[in-house]
């Protein structure tokens, strides 16, 4: 898969049910990780989309097994549709959803958004979009 295909697949798998803004928000976080100037994602990803998406433990959609059973919702099992390619093109051309800011993380807490995430305090709450909470890096992140 080329970068466009890979990003379109991660958008569909991670946020396909979240509407256009939800999908753009996830694409924005992925590209924020690609473009961050320091910290873990810069050190591991080195500006490479593939390294960011395939970094171990980051996206459930690239894990073939979850909780000891086969994961039916993966980037390989769910081909993207035109909307996912359009959002991938949008993100790859440098756009991002302004409400997401510099967010490097998102997750669905199945309840209210906690103020910090990850729990070590390296992120602070930015915004909730549909069911996902988005988090900007704190100064602690840049020490990772």
Protein backbone atom coordinates (compact mmCIF):
# COMPACT_ATOMS: atom_id res chain seq x y z
CA UNK A 1 0.00 0.00 0.00
CA UNK A 2 1.17 3.51 -0.71
CA UNK A 3 0.84 6.25 1.94
CA UNK A 4 -2.49 7.48 0.57
CA UNK A 5 -4.01 4.01 0.69
CA UNK A 6 -2.64 3.34 4.17
CA UNK A 7 -3.95 6.64 5.56
CA UNK A 8 -7.37 6.12 3.93
CA UNK A 9 -7.59 2.68 5.51
CA UNK A 10 -6.64 3.91 8.99
CA UNK A 11 -9.19 6.74 8.68
CA UNK A 12 -11.96 4.29 7.79
CA UNK A 13 -11.03 1.77 10.42
CA UNK A 14 -10.40 4.19 13.29
CA UNK A 15 -13.18 6.72 12.61
CA UNK A 16 -15.42 5.47 9.80
CA UNK A 17 -18.53 5.87 11.93
CA UNK A 18 -17.61 9.32 13.26
CA UNK A 19 -18.70 11.45 10.28
CA UNK A 20 -16.51 13.74 8.19
CA UNK A 21 -15.24 15.84 11.12
CA UNK A 22 -14.42 12.75 13.16
CA UNK A 23 -12.49 11.25 10.27
CA UNK A 24 -10.67 14.53 9.61
CA UNK A 25 -9.79 14.74 13.30
CA UNK A 26 -8.20 11.28 13.26
CA UNK A 27 -6.32 12.10 10.03
CA UNK A 28 -5.11 15.31 11.70
CA UNK A 29 -3.72 13.38 14.68
CA UNK A 30 -1.92 10.91 12.43
CA UNK A 31 -0.34 13.75 10.47
CA UNK A 32 0.48 15.64 13.70
CA UNK A 33 2.48 12.57 14.75
CA UNK A 34 4.24 12.49 11.39
CA UNK A 35 5.15 16.18 11.61
CA UNK A 36 5.90 16.64 15.32
CA UNK A 37 9.30 18.26 15.90
CA UNK A 38 10.49 16.17 18.86
CA UNK A 39 9.55 13.50 21.37
CA UNK A 40 8.66 9.85 20.89
CA UNK A 41 6.81 10.17 17.57
CA UNK A 42 9.60 12.19 15.96
CA UNK A 43 12.26 9.82 17.27
CA UNK A 44 10.41 6.66 16.18
CA UNK A 45 8.57 7.93 13.12
CA UNK A 46 11.18 10.32 11.74
CA UNK A 47 8.48 11.95 9.60
CA UNK A 48 7.49 8.62 8.01
CA UNK A 49 3.73 7.94 7.90
CA UNK A 50 4.27 4.18 7.70
CA UNK A 51 6.41 4.13 10.84
CA UNK A 52 3.77 6.16 12.69
CA UNK A 53 0.88 3.90 11.68
CA UNK A 54 2.76 0.65 12.26
CA UNK A 55 4.31 1.72 15.58
CA UNK A 56 3.51 -1.08 18.00
CA UNK A 57 0.56 -0.50 20.31
CA UNK A 58 -0.71 2.68 18.64
CA UNK A 59 -3.71 1.74 16.50
CA UNK A 60 -6.04 -1.21 17.17
CA UNK A 61 -6.73 -1.36 13.44
CA UNK A 62 -3.22 -2.64 12.70
CA UNK A 63 -3.38 -5.37 15.34
CA UNK A 64 -4.39 -8.72 13.88
CA UNK A 65 -5.26 -9.98 17.37
CA UNK A 66 -7.05 -8.11 20.17
CA UNK A 67 -7.70 -9.69 23.54
CA UNK A 68 -6.48 -13.06 22.32
CA UNK A 69 -8.95 -13.30 19.42
CA UNK A 70 -8.69 -12.37 15.74
CA UNK A 71 -9.47 -8.70 15.16
CA UNK A 72 -12.23 -8.48 12.52
CA UNK A 73 -11.77 -4.72 12.11
CA UNK A 74 -8.36 -4.15 10.57
CA UNK A 75 -6.96 -1.99 7.81
CA UNK A 76 -6.61 -5.15 5.70
CA UNK A 77 -10.23 -6.30 6.10
CA UNK A 78 -11.95 -2.96 5.44
CA UNK A 79 -11.14 -1.34 2.09
CA UNK A 80 -11.68 2.43 2.02
CA UNK A 81 -14.38 4.28 0.09
CA UNK A 82 -14.00 7.55 -1.84
CA UNK A 83 -14.66 9.72 1.26
CA UNK A 84 -11.69 8.09 3.03
CA UNK A 85 -9.40 8.76 0.05
CA UNK A 86 -10.67 12.35 -0.11
CA UNK A 87 -9.86 12.91 3.57
CA UNK A 88 -6.47 11.22 3.17
CA UNK A 89 -5.69 13.55 0.25
CA UNK A 90 -6.85 16.53 2.34
CA UNK A 91 -4.56 15.54 5.24
CA UNK A 92 -1.58 14.63 3.06
CA UNK A 93 -1.78 18.05 1.39
CA UNK A 94 -1.18 19.73 4.75
CA UNK A 95 -4.68 20.45 6.01
CA UNK A 96 -5.85 19.66 9.52
CA UNK A 97 -8.96 20.19 11.57
CA UNK A 98 -8.26 23.36 13.56
CA UNK A 99 -10.17 22.17 16.64
CA UNK A 100 -7.75 19.27 17.04
CA UNK A 101 -4.81 21.66 17.36
CA UNK A 102 -1.53 19.84 17.97
CA UNK A 103 -3.23 16.71 19.33
CA UNK A 104 -1.13 13.56 19.21
CA UNK A 105 -3.66 11.21 20.80
CA UNK A 106 -7.33 10.33 20.67
CA UNK A 107 -9.44 7.60 22.17
CA UNK A 108 -13.03 6.70 22.96
CA UNK A 109 -13.38 6.57 26.76
CA UNK A 110 -17.01 5.35 26.56
CA UNK A 111 -17.83 8.19 28.97
CA UNK A 112 -16.63 11.70 29.80
CA UNK A 113 -13.20 12.72 28.60
CA UNK A 114 -10.56 12.64 31.34
CA UNK A 115 -8.40 15.77 31.56
CA UNK A 116 -5.08 13.99 30.98
CA UNK A 117 -4.14 11.21 28.59
CA UNK A 118 -1.93 9.31 28.46
CA UNK A 119 -2.14 8.84 32.17
CA UNK A 120 1.48 9.84 32.73
CA UNK A 121 0.44 13.45 32.11
CA UNK A 122 2.09 13.85 28.72
CA UNK A 123 -1.19 15.00 27.16
CA UNK A 124 -3.91 17.47 28.10
CA UNK A 125 -7.50 17.52 26.87
CA UNK A 126 -8.10 19.58 23.72
CA UNK A 127 -11.57 18.71 22.40
CA UNK A 128 -14.22 15.99 22.13
CA UNK A 129 -15.39 15.15 18.61
CA UNK A 130 -18.26 12.68 18.35
CA UNK A 131 -17.13 9.81 20.64
CA UNK A 132 -13.40 10.52 20.68
CA UNK A 133 -11.39 12.71 23.05
CA UNK A 134 -8.32 14.49 21.63
CA UNK A 135 -5.19 15.42 23.57
CA UNK A 136 -2.38 17.91 22.95
CA UNK A 137 1.15 17.15 24.15
CA UNK A 138 2.35 18.76 27.37
CA UNK A 139 5.96 19.71 28.11
CA UNK A 140 6.35 16.21 29.61
CA UNK A 141 5.73 14.62 26.18
CA UNK A 142 8.74 16.42 24.70
CA UNK A 143 10.95 14.74 27.32
CA UNK A 144 9.90 11.26 26.12
